[in-house]
Amino acid sequence: MKKLISMILIVCMACMMIPTMAEEDLTGEWYVKTMSQGEQTFDAASLGMNMTLTLNADGTLKMESPAEEGPIEGTWTNEGGKVTLTLQDQTNEVTISDGVMTLSDETIGMTMTFTREAPAPVYTPAEKKTDATLEDYAGKWSFAYIGMNGMILDVNTFVSTMASAMASAVGEGAEVPDIVGMLTFEIEGNKLISGKGTEQEKALEATFADGQMTYKDEASGTEVVICLLQDGMLSMEGFSAGMGGTIYLAPVTAAEEVPAA
């Protein structure tokens, strides 16, 4: 009899625990981790896709991204462990396992994963150096980051992602533009020299005033402002090349220019 009573108590306790285990608190902020489309999976943070999903206790939600002017609002439910998100009149069921939320959107063939861990910024630009001299700009500079639509991308990740996407679209061996090479140049005096020592060498003359350099971009006719930053990086605001936004360049040291033995 004692064993029977003990077993009944154990079963009752287990039944009482089931609702507690099912009622995991999902409210709060979730941060996009990866984005997948087809066979390609990308680390969202390295591409500057800092998207935040906020689930509120009242059943409302909002999706925020630097690329959007404002948050996209919707609703969410958690009924018996079945979690659904409704955004822009489209409802999708999500799965949650080991702290990872997975959302698949069949309409665009994309899958995104979210975690509670906020991504570290790819690069945080420093303040402009207002007392810079023209001599401070002298040297060779190489494309490091691109900032556009509120996002900052690492150029190496950007180029490798482009190569992967092009290979997937047109097959292996696809020619990827040398973006880094296009935006590697030397500053000598008030001149920006690209392709120095090659047949493609080209020099642009800039003006210098108030600690910054400016020149007119031939492609768009807009004024490009070049500033030295407090962290030793260089920013180019207004550069077009079909990308827009701000280009961040790093100084090329002598050691980096010498090929490894």
C-alpha atoms as a PDB file:
ATOM      1  CA  MET A   1       0.000   0.000   0.000  1.00  0.00           C
ATOM      2  CA  LYS A   2       2.829   2.416   0.879  1.00  0.00           C
ATOM      3  CA  LYS A   3       4.472   1.754  -2.500  1.00  0.00           C
ATOM      4  CA  LEU A   4       1.172   2.406  -4.288  1.00  0.00           C
ATOM      5  CA  ILE A   5       0.675   5.693  -2.430  1.00  0.00           C
ATOM      6  CA  SER A   6       4.253   6.708  -3.210  1.00  0.00           C
ATOM      7  CA  MET A   7       3.758   6.003  -6.894  1.00  0.00           C
ATOM      8  CA  ILE A   8       0.526   8.003  -6.972  1.00  0.00           C
ATOM      9  CA  LEU A   9       2.283  10.957  -5.323  1.00  0.00           C
ATOM     10  CA  ILE A  10       5.136  10.793  -7.854  1.00  0.00           C
ATOM     11  CA  VAL A  11       2.665  10.742 -10.776  1.00  0.00           C
ATOM     12  CA  CYS A  12       0.737  13.682  -9.297  1.00  0.00           C
ATOM     13  CA  MET A  13       3.920  15.702  -8.849  1.00  0.00           C
ATOM     14  CA  ALA A  14       4.990  14.952 -12.424  1.00  0.00           C
ATOM     15  CA  CYS A  15       1.606  16.091 -13.746  1.00  0.00           C
ATOM     16  CA  MET A  16       1.898  19.316 -11.766  1.00  0.00           C
ATOM     17  CA  MET A  17       5.340  19.979 -13.269  1.00  0.00           C
ATOM     18  CA  ILE A  18       4.293  19.541 -16.923  1.00  0.00           C
ATOM     19  CA  PRO A  19       2.578  22.956 -17.272  1.00  0.00           C
ATOM     20  CA  THR A  20       5.538  24.609 -15.561  1.00  0.00           C
ATOM     21  CA  MET A  21       7.995  23.055 -17.984  1.00  0.00           C
ATOM     22  CA  ALA A  22       5.844  24.002 -20.969  1.00  0.00           C
ATOM     23  CA  GLU A  23       5.486  27.615 -19.872  1.00  0.00           C
ATOM     24  CA  GLU A  24       9.002  28.728 -20.708  1.00  0.00           C
ATOM     25  CA  ASP A  25       9.282  32.492 -20.553  1.00  0.00           C
ATOM     26  CA  LEU A  26       9.937  33.623 -24.120  1.00  0.00           C
ATOM     27  CA  THR A  27       9.327  37.319 -23.547  1.00  0.00           C
ATOM     28  CA  GLY A  28      12.100  39.810 -24.057  1.00  0.00           C
ATOM     29  CA  GLU A  29      14.675  40.344 -26.759  1.00  0.00           C
ATOM     30  CA  TRP A  30      15.971  37.776 -29.249  1.00  0.00           C
ATOM     31  CA  TYR A  31      18.838  38.553 -31.618  1.00  0.00           C
ATOM     32  CA  VAL A  32      19.285  37.124 -35.104  1.00  0.00           C
ATOM     33  CA  LYS A  33      22.248  34.721 -35.247  1.00  0.00           C
ATOM     34  CA  THR A  34      22.239  33.121 -38.696  1.00  0.00           C
ATOM     35  CA  MET A  35      20.398  33.518 -41.982  1.00  0.00           C
ATOM     36  CA  SER A  36      20.079  30.645 -44.462  1.00  0.00           C
ATOM     37  CA  GLN A  37      18.789  30.543 -48.000  1.00  0.00           C
ATOM     38  CA  GLY A  38      19.176  27.437 -50.101  1.00  0.00           C
ATOM     39  CA  GLU A  39      22.513  25.862 -49.241  1.00  0.00           C
ATOM     40  CA  GLN A  40      24.026  29.140 -48.061  1.00  0.00           C
ATOM     41  CA  THR A  41      24.207  30.011 -44.345  1.00  0.00           C
ATOM     42  CA  PHE A  42      25.574  33.360 -43.218  1.00  0.00           C
ATOM     43  CA  ASP A  43      26.509  34.751 -39.831  1.00  0.00           C
ATOM     44  CA  ALA A  44      24.118  37.676 -39.575  1.00  0.00           C
ATOM     45  CA  ALA A  45      26.273  39.842 -37.303  1.00  0.00           C
ATOM     46  CA  SER A  46      29.303  39.679 -39.604  1.00  0.00           C
ATOM     47  CA  LEU A  47      27.100  41.009 -42.403  1.00  0.00           C
ATOM     48  CA  GLY A  48      25.825  43.820 -40.242  1.00  0.00           C
ATOM     49  CA  MET A  49      22.329  42.326 -40.028  1.00  0.00           C
ATOM     50  CA  ASN A  50      21.714  43.259 -36.406  1.00  0.00           C
ATOM     51  CA  MET A  51      18.039  42.333 -36.238  1.00  0.00           C
ATOM     52  CA  THR A  52      16.234  42.266 -32.888  1.00  0.00           C
ATOM     53  CA  LEU A  53      12.960  40.465 -32.189  1.00  0.00           C
ATOM     54  CA  THR A  54      11.118  41.582 -29.039  1.00  0.00           C
ATOM     55  CA  LEU A  55       8.287  39.438 -27.637  1.00  0.00           C
ATOM     56  CA  ASN A  56       6.061  41.325 -25.200  1.00  0.00           C
ATOM     57  CA  ALA A  57       4.006  39.747 -22.417  1.00  0.00           C
ATOM     58  CA  ASP A  58       0.775  41.133 -23.913  1.00  0.00           C
ATOM     59  CA  GLY A  59       1.196  39.052 -27.082  1.00  0.00           C
ATOM     60  CA  THR A  60       2.578  41.817 -29.265  1.00  0.00           C
ATOM     61  CA  LEU A  61       6.001  41.808 -30.897  1.00  0.00           C
ATOM     62  CA  LYS A  62       8.276  44.034 -32.886  1.00  0.00           C
ATOM     63  CA  MET A  63      11.133  43.347 -35.281  1.00  0.00           C
ATOM     64  CA  GLU A  64      13.827  46.009 -35.514  1.00  0.00           C
ATOM     65  CA  SER A  65      16.715  46.359 -37.934  1.00  0.00           C
ATOM     66  CA  PRO A  66      19.081  49.228 -38.796  1.00  0.00           C
ATOM     67  CA  ALA A  67      18.006  48.741 -42.419  1.00  0.00           C
ATOM     68  CA  GLU A  68      14.385  49.625 -41.572  1.00  0.00           C
ATOM     69  CA  GLU A  69      13.119  53.124 -40.811  1.00  0.00           C
ATOM     70  CA  GLY A  70      11.039  51.859 -37.895  1.00  0.00           C
ATOM     71  CA  PRO A  71      10.041  48.625 -36.142  1.00  0.00           C
ATOM     72  CA  ILE A  72       7.799  46.069 -37.833  1.00  0.00           C
ATOM     73  CA  GLU A  73       5.030  45.197 -35.395  1.00  0.00           C
ATOM     74  CA  GLY A  74       3.001  42.020 -35.048  1.00  0.00           C
ATOM     75  CA  THR A  75       1.715  39.447 -32.574  1.00  0.00           C
ATOM     76  CA  TRP A  76       2.814  36.126 -31.148  1.00  0.00           C
ATOM     77  CA  THR A  77       1.246  33.191 -29.328  1.00  0.00           C
ATOM     78  CA  ASN A  78       2.426  30.271 -27.236  1.00  0.00           C
ATOM     79  CA  GLU A  79      -0.313  27.692 -26.966  1.00  0.00           C
ATOM     80  CA  GLY A  80       0.638  24.351 -25.525  1.00  0.00           C
ATOM     81  CA  GLY A  81       4.247  24.828 -26.542  1.00  0.00           C
ATOM     82  CA  LYS A  82       3.312  25.768 -30.120  1.00  0.00           C
ATOM     83  CA  VAL A  83       4.815  29.195 -30.777  1.00  0.00           C
ATOM     84  CA  THR A  84       3.686  31.307 -33.730  1.00  0.00           C
ATOM     85  CA  LEU A  85       4.746  34.748 -34.919  1.00  0.00           C
ATOM     86  CA  THR A  86       2.556  36.965 -37.081  1.00  0.00           C
ATOM     87  CA  LEU A  87       4.260  39.740 -39.030  1.00  0.00           C
ATOM     88  CA  GLN A  88       2.766  41.729 -41.904  1.00  0.00           C
ATOM     89  CA  ASP A  89      -0.305  39.437 -42.029  1.00  0.00           C
ATOM     90  CA  GLN A  90       1.866  36.332 -42.346  1.00  0.00           C
ATOM     91  CA  THR A  91       1.935  33.702 -39.588  1.00  0.00           C
ATOM     92  CA  ASN A  92       4.855  31.305 -39.129  1.00  0.00           C
ATOM     93  CA  GLU A  93       5.410  28.638 -36.507  1.00  0.00           C
ATOM     94  CA  VAL A  94       8.804  28.709 -34.829  1.00  0.00           C
ATOM     95  CA  THR A  95      10.755  26.002 -33.039  1.00  0.00           C
ATOM     96  CA  ILE A  96      12.775  26.567 -29.888  1.00  0.00           C
ATOM     97  CA  SER A  97      15.508  24.197 -28.799  1.00  0.00           C
ATOM     98  CA  ASP A  98      18.489  24.705 -26.491  1.00  0.00           C
ATOM     99  CA  GLY A  99      17.903  28.447 -26.366  1.00  0.00           C
ATOM    100  CA  VAL A 100      17.758  28.825 -30.144  1.00  0.00           C
ATOM    101  CA  MET A 101      14.618  30.047 -31.898  1.00  0.00           C
ATOM    102  CA  THR A 102      14.290  29.007 -35.547  1.00  0.00           C
ATOM    103  CA  LEU A 103      11.983  30.884 -37.916  1.00  0.00           C
ATOM    104  CA  SER A 104      11.423  29.669 -41.481  1.00  0.00           C
ATOM    105  CA  ASP A 105       9.737  31.825 -44.095  1.00  0.00           C
ATOM    106  CA  GLU A 106       8.762  29.583 -46.997  1.00  0.00           C
ATOM    107  CA  THR A 107       7.577  32.517 -49.112  1.00  0.00           C
ATOM    108  CA  ILE A 108      11.151  33.735 -49.561  1.00  0.00           C
ATOM    109  CA  GLY A 109      12.886  30.456 -48.777  1.00  0.00           C
ATOM    110  CA  MET A 110      14.812  31.858 -45.826  1.00  0.00           C
ATOM    111  CA  THR A 111      15.474  30.478 -42.358  1.00  0.00           C
ATOM    112  CA  MET A 112      16.673  32.620 -39.469  1.00  0.00           C
ATOM    113  CA  THR A 113      17.864  31.615 -36.018  1.00  0.00           C
ATOM    114  CA  PHE A 114      17.671  33.837 -32.941  1.00  0.00           C
ATOM    115  CA  THR A 115      19.370  33.620 -29.549  1.00  0.00           C
ATOM    116  CA  ARG A 116      19.306  35.677 -26.348  1.00  0.00           C
ATOM    117  CA  GLU A 117      22.908  36.795 -26.862  1.00  0.00           C
ATOM    118  CA  ALA A 118      23.324  40.255 -28.349  1.00  0.00           C
ATOM    119  CA  PRO A 119      25.938  40.292 -31.141  1.00  0.00           C
ATOM    120  CA  ALA A 120      29.121  42.265 -30.701  1.00  0.00           C
ATOM    121  CA  PRO A 121      29.412  45.178 -33.157  1.00  0.00           C
ATOM    122  CA  VAL A 122      31.552  44.468 -36.227  1.00  0.00           C
ATOM    123  CA  TYR A 123      33.181  47.872 -35.906  1.00  0.00           C
ATOM    124  CA  THR A 124      32.323  51.005 -33.951  1.00  0.00           C
ATOM    125  CA  PRO A 125      33.700  54.121 -35.651  1.00  0.00           C
ATOM    126  CA  ALA A 126      35.675  56.475 -33.460  1.00  0.00           C
ATOM    127  CA  GLU A 127      35.185  60.236 -33.336  1.00  0.00           C
ATOM    128  CA  LYS A 128      36.730  62.373 -36.044  1.00  0.00           C
ATOM    129  CA  LYS A 129      40.148  63.875 -35.406  1.00  0.00           C
ATOM    130  CA  THR A 130      39.421  67.569 -35.826  1.00  0.00           C
ATOM    131  CA  ASP A 131      43.051  68.727 -35.549  1.00  0.00           C
ATOM    132  CA  ALA A 132      44.460  66.382 -38.220  1.00  0.00           C
ATOM    133  CA  THR A 133      47.092  67.762 -40.583  1.00  0.00           C
ATOM    134  CA  LEU A 134      47.563  66.843 -44.240  1.00  0.00           C
ATOM    135  CA  GLU A 135      50.714  64.955 -43.268  1.00  0.00           C
ATOM    136  CA  ASP A 136      48.631  62.725 -40.975  1.00  0.00           C
ATOM    137  CA  TYR A 137      46.815  61.379 -44.030  1.00  0.00           C
ATOM    138  CA  ALA A 138      49.965  60.366 -45.897  1.00  0.00           C
ATOM    139  CA  GLY A 139      50.441  56.660 -46.610  1.00  0.00           C
ATOM    140  CA  LYS A 140      48.653  53.654 -48.033  1.00  0.00           C
ATOM    141  CA  TRP A 141      45.083  52.832 -47.014  1.00  0.00           C
ATOM    142  CA  SER A 142      43.012  49.699 -47.553  1.00  0.00           C
ATOM    143  CA  PHE A 143      39.249  49.082 -47.497  1.00  0.00           C
ATOM    144  CA  ALA A 144      38.267  47.513 -44.156  1.00  0.00           C
ATOM    145  CA  TYR A 145      34.552  48.150 -43.501  1.00  0.00           C
ATOM    146  CA  ILE A 146      31.543  49.527 -45.277  1.00  0.00           C
ATOM    147  CA  GLY A 147      28.696  51.277 -43.506  1.00  0.00           C
ATOM    148  CA  MET A 148      25.292  51.574 -45.177  1.00  0.00           C
ATOM    149  CA  ASN A 149      21.655  51.649 -44.090  1.00  0.00           C
ATOM    150  CA  GLY A 150      22.696  51.732 -40.449  1.00  0.00           C
ATOM    151  CA  MET A 151      24.790  48.553 -40.805  1.00  0.00           C
ATOM    152  CA  ILE A 152      28.571  48.079 -40.807  1.00  0.00           C
ATOM    153  CA  LEU A 153      30.010  45.132 -42.732  1.00  0.00           C
ATOM    154  CA  ASP A 154      33.452  43.590 -42.580  1.00  0.00           C
ATOM    155  CA  VAL A 155      34.907  43.766 -46.089  1.00  0.00           C
ATOM    156  CA  ASN A 156      36.424  40.261 -45.991  1.00  0.00           C
ATOM    157  CA  THR A 157      33.077  38.753 -45.034  1.00  0.00           C
ATOM    158  CA  PHE A 158      31.360  40.921 -47.642  1.00  0.00           C
ATOM    159  CA  VAL A 159      33.695  39.746 -50.412  1.00  0.00           C
ATOM    160  CA  SER A 160      33.581  36.059 -49.421  1.00  0.00           C
ATOM    161  CA  THR A 161      29.778  36.219 -49.204  1.00  0.00           C
ATOM    162  CA  MET A 162      29.625  37.787 -52.651  1.00  0.00           C
ATOM    163  CA  ALA A 163      31.933  35.085 -54.024  1.00  0.00           C
ATOM    164  CA  SER A 164      29.818  32.350 -52.461  1.00  0.00           C
ATOM    165  CA  ALA A 165      26.594  33.862 -53.785  1.00  0.00           C
ATOM    166  CA  MET A 166      28.006  34.293 -57.297  1.00  0.00           C
ATOM    167  CA  ALA A 167      29.375  30.760 -57.306  1.00  0.00           C
ATOM    168  CA  SER A 168      25.957  29.466 -56.283  1.00  0.00           C
ATOM    169  CA  ALA A 169      24.252  31.504 -59.011  1.00  0.00           C
ATOM    170  CA  VAL A 170      26.572  30.956 -61.979  1.00  0.00           C
ATOM    171  CA  GLY A 171      28.818  28.108 -60.863  1.00  0.00           C
ATOM    172  CA  GLU A 172      32.302  27.801 -59.426  1.00  0.00           C
ATOM    173  CA  GLY A 173      34.988  30.011 -60.878  1.00  0.00           C
ATOM    174  CA  ALA A 174      32.781  33.101 -61.046  1.00  0.00           C
ATOM    175  CA  GLU A 175      34.833  36.269 -61.250  1.00  0.00           C
ATOM    176  CA  VAL A 176      34.367  38.455 -58.197  1.00  0.00           C
ATOM    177  CA  PRO A 177      35.259  42.139 -58.463  1.00  0.00           C
ATOM    178  CA  ASP A 178      38.397  43.099 -56.531  1.00  0.00           C
ATOM    179  CA  ILE A 179      36.570  45.430 -54.156  1.00  0.00           C
ATOM    180  CA  VAL A 180      39.506  45.689 -51.768  1.00  0.00           C
ATOM    181  CA  GLY A 181      41.847  46.498 -54.641  1.00  0.00           C
ATOM    182  CA  MET A 182      39.433  49.111 -55.955  1.00  0.00           C
ATOM    183  CA  LEU A 183      39.567  50.907 -52.628  1.00  0.00           C
ATOM    184  CA  THR A 184      43.242  50.612 -51.783  1.00  0.00           C
ATOM    185  CA  PHE A 185      45.084  53.823 -52.482  1.00  0.00           C
ATOM    186  CA  GLU A 186      47.896  56.061 -51.372  1.00  0.00           C
ATOM    187  CA  ILE A 187      47.665  59.635 -50.190  1.00  0.00           C
ATOM    188  CA  GLU A 188      50.533  61.884 -51.204  1.00  0.00           C
ATOM    189  CA  GLY A 189      50.036  65.501 -50.323  1.00  0.00           C
ATOM    190  CA  ASN A 190      46.535  66.377 -51.458  1.00  0.00           C
ATOM    191  CA  LYS A 191      46.395  63.573 -54.044  1.00  0.00           C
ATOM    192  CA  LEU A 192      44.662  60.186 -53.777  1.00  0.00           C
ATOM    193  CA  ILE A 193      46.481  57.700 -55.996  1.00  0.00           C
ATOM    194  CA  SER A 194      44.958  54.323 -56.903  1.00  0.00           C
ATOM    195  CA  GLY A 195      46.751  51.563 -58.815  1.00  0.00           C
ATOM    196  CA  LYS A 196      50.093  53.199 -58.229  1.00  0.00           C
ATOM    197  CA  GLY A 197      52.832  51.764 -60.439  1.00  0.00           C
ATOM    198  CA  THR A 198      50.354  50.028 -62.762  1.00  0.00           C
ATOM    199  CA  GLU A 199      48.721  50.880 -66.074  1.00  0.00           C
ATOM    200  CA  GLN A 200      45.550  51.699 -64.123  1.00  0.00           C
ATOM    201  CA  GLU A 201      47.243  54.351 -61.991  1.00  0.00           C
ATOM    202  CA  LYS A 202      44.923  57.244 -61.379  1.00  0.00           C
ATOM    203  CA  ALA A 203      45.268  60.344 -59.228  1.00  0.00           C
ATOM    204  CA  LEU A 204      42.496  62.487 -57.783  1.00  0.00           C
ATOM    205  CA  GLU A 205      43.196  65.917 -56.408  1.00  0.00           C
ATOM    206  CA  ALA A 206      41.447  66.819 -53.174  1.00  0.00           C
ATOM    207  CA  THR A 207      41.179  69.970 -51.149  1.00  0.00           C
ATOM    208  CA  PHE A 208      42.179  70.135 -47.490  1.00  0.00           C
ATOM    209  CA  ALA A 209      40.488  72.347 -44.908  1.00  0.00           C
ATOM    210  CA  ASP A 210      39.452  72.087 -41.260  1.00  0.00           C
ATOM    211  CA  GLY A 211      41.325  68.822 -40.791  1.00  0.00           C
ATOM    212  CA  GLN A 212      39.578  66.914 -43.608  1.00  0.00           C
ATOM    213  CA  MET A 213      39.983  66.215 -47.329  1.00  0.00           C
ATOM    214  CA  THR A 214      37.228  66.553 -49.938  1.00  0.00           C
ATOM    215  CA  TYR A 215      36.880  65.731 -53.637  1.00  0.00           C
ATOM    216  CA  LYS A 216      34.042  65.246 -56.138  1.00  0.00           C
ATOM    217  CA  ASP A 217      33.106  61.682 -57.049  1.00  0.00           C
ATOM    218  CA  GLU A 218      33.079  61.371 -60.850  1.00  0.00           C
ATOM    219  CA  ALA A 219      30.405  58.647 -60.869  1.00  0.00           C
ATOM    220  CA  SER A 220      27.761  60.488 -58.887  1.00  0.00           C
ATOM    221  CA  GLY A 221      28.944  64.082 -58.843  1.00  0.00           C
ATOM    222  CA  THR A 222      28.628  64.122 -55.055  1.00  0.00           C
ATOM    223  CA  GLU A 223      31.217  65.488 -52.658  1.00  0.00           C
ATOM    224  CA  VAL A 224      33.257  62.874 -50.830  1.00  0.00           C
ATOM    225  CA  VAL A 225      34.539  63.846 -47.384  1.00  0.00           C
ATOM    226  CA  ILE A 226      37.617  62.041 -46.039  1.00  0.00           C
ATOM    227  CA  CYS A 227      38.287  62.233 -42.308  1.00  0.00           C
ATOM    228  CA  LEU A 228      40.942  60.806 -40.033  1.00  0.00           C
ATOM    229  CA  LEU A 229      39.421  59.125 -36.975  1.00  0.00           C
ATOM    230  CA  GLN A 230      40.698  59.004 -33.408  1.00  0.00           C
ATOM    231  CA  ASP A 231      41.407  55.258 -33.696  1.00  0.00           C
ATOM    232  CA  GLY A 232      43.725  55.773 -36.688  1.00  0.00           C
ATOM    233  CA  MET A 233      41.157  54.667 -39.281  1.00  0.00           C
ATOM    234  CA  LEU A 234      40.028  56.736 -42.248  1.00  0.00           C
ATOM    235  CA  SER A 235      36.395  57.398 -43.203  1.00  0.00           C
ATOM    236  CA  MET A 236      35.079  58.322 -46.664  1.00  0.00           C
ATOM    237  CA  GLU A 237      31.557  59.721 -46.512  1.00  0.00           C
ATOM    238  CA  GLY A 238      29.573  59.995 -49.726  1.00  0.00           C
ATOM    239  CA  PHE A 239      31.583  57.454 -51.716  1.00  0.00           C
ATOM    240  CA  SER A 240      29.270  55.833 -54.274  1.00  0.00           C
ATOM    241  CA  ALA A 241      30.630  52.996 -56.449  1.00  0.00           C
ATOM    242  CA  GLY A 242      27.066  51.726 -56.375  1.00  0.00           C
ATOM    243  CA  MET A 243      27.203  51.157 -52.632  1.00  0.00           C
ATOM    244  CA  GLY A 244      26.643  54.492 -50.920  1.00  0.00           C
ATOM    245  CA  GLY A 245      27.193  55.084 -47.244  1.00  0.00           C
ATOM    246  CA  THR A 246      30.589  55.390 -45.595  1.00  0.00           C
ATOM    247  CA  ILE A 247      33.783  53.514 -46.338  1.00  0.00           C
ATOM    248  CA  TYR A 248      36.245  52.851 -43.504  1.00  0.00           C
ATOM    249  CA  LEU A 249      39.886  52.238 -44.368  1.00  0.00           C
ATOM    250  CA  ALA A 250      42.803  50.979 -42.321  1.00  0.00           C
ATOM    251  CA  PRO A 251      46.432  52.050 -42.728  1.00  0.00           C
ATOM    252  CA  VAL A 252      48.598  49.500 -44.531  1.00  0.00           C
ATOM    253  CA  THR A 253      51.837  48.882 -42.660  1.00  0.00           C
ATOM    254  CA  ALA A 254      55.131  48.026 -44.298  1.00  0.00           C
ATOM    255  CA  ALA A 255      54.965  44.535 -42.810  1.00  0.00           C
ATOM    256  CA  GLU A 256      51.603  43.912 -44.494  1.00  0.00           C
ATOM    257  CA  GLU A 257      53.013  44.879 -47.891  1.00  0.00           C
ATOM    258  CA  VAL A 258      55.880  42.359 -47.737  1.00  0.00           C
ATOM    259  CA  PRO A 259      54.809  38.889 -49.043  1.00  0.00           C
ATOM    260  CA  ALA A 260      55.363  36.022 -46.618  1.00  0.00           C
ATOM    261  CA  ALA A 261      58.475  33.948 -47.344  1.00  0.00           C
END
